[in-house]
Amino acid sequence: MKNGKGRMNGKVAVVTGAALGIGRACAQMLAREGASVAVTDLLDAEGQAVVNEICNEGGTAGYWHMDVTDEQQVSDVMGMVRSRFGPVTVLVNNAGITGEDKSTHEFTTEEWEEVMDVNVKGAYLCIKYAVPQMIRKGGGSVVNVSSVYGIVGGPGLAGYHAAEGALRSMTKTDAVTYAPRQVRVNSVHPGVIWTPMVEGLIAAEEDVVHERAELGAKHPLGHVGEPDDVAFAVLYLASDEARFVTGAELVVDGGYTAR
């Protein structure tokens, strides 16, 4: 895995929500390219399994239990990552939930706040405690995993759409704010990606295979994406190849938003 030519050699990456799906793919790919990766999640067994897979392939990784809505946990974990691997230079804000499939007026306050806490406050807290390490190191990269629904609208999941739009706007503000300190901030906007989250959303359907095909048909390329499709985008934005890229939104959606 570490052959001296990795695109992420010498970098320390924190990936949130890294136990499954897109986060897992990001953690594995960054590690394969030479980064020391902090896998963080609430799913301890699954998160540790990701670390074991990385280490078995010759990579460097550690697992930390972290609730991104808990400021003390976020602060503590960022400090522990620095102590073990060195200053954080890459942050992938991937942790997120879809919330209830409701229109705005149907949400309870508690349901709305839960989505905002995980998807927006969680990213804010991780930036709050990772970016100072990047600044002291001389630069870094933040990649916020948003959604095509941070760009376009759609029926239902109103809290999720609002949160992903907020993450998109925060990305651009932070990009301008931190550019003088050589910290780049970009967002990735996936279409439908076949992850446990998406599987869970359609699990109640009688014919899951048919439903997956229906979801794929919404994309001009004719199929849903895979976690690695997003991880490749994250890898690019996290690497020095994107050294002149900040405030960008990289859409990975099979053409969904091009229609």
Foldseek 3Di string as FASTA:
>chain_A
DPPPQALQAPAEEEFEPLLWFLNVLLQLNNQVSHYAYEQEYQPVVSSVVSQVVSVVVPGHYDYDYAQLLDLVRLQVVQVVSCVPRNAHAEYELDWFALFWFADPVPDDPVRLVVRLSGLPVSLVSNCVRRVVSQLVVQEHEYEYEAAVLLVDPDHTSHSNSVSSVVVLVVQLVVQVVCVVSHYAGEYEHEAAEPIVNVCVVCVPPPDVVVVQQVSQCLAPQRGHHYSNLRSVVSSCRRGCVCSVDHSYYHYHYNHNVVD
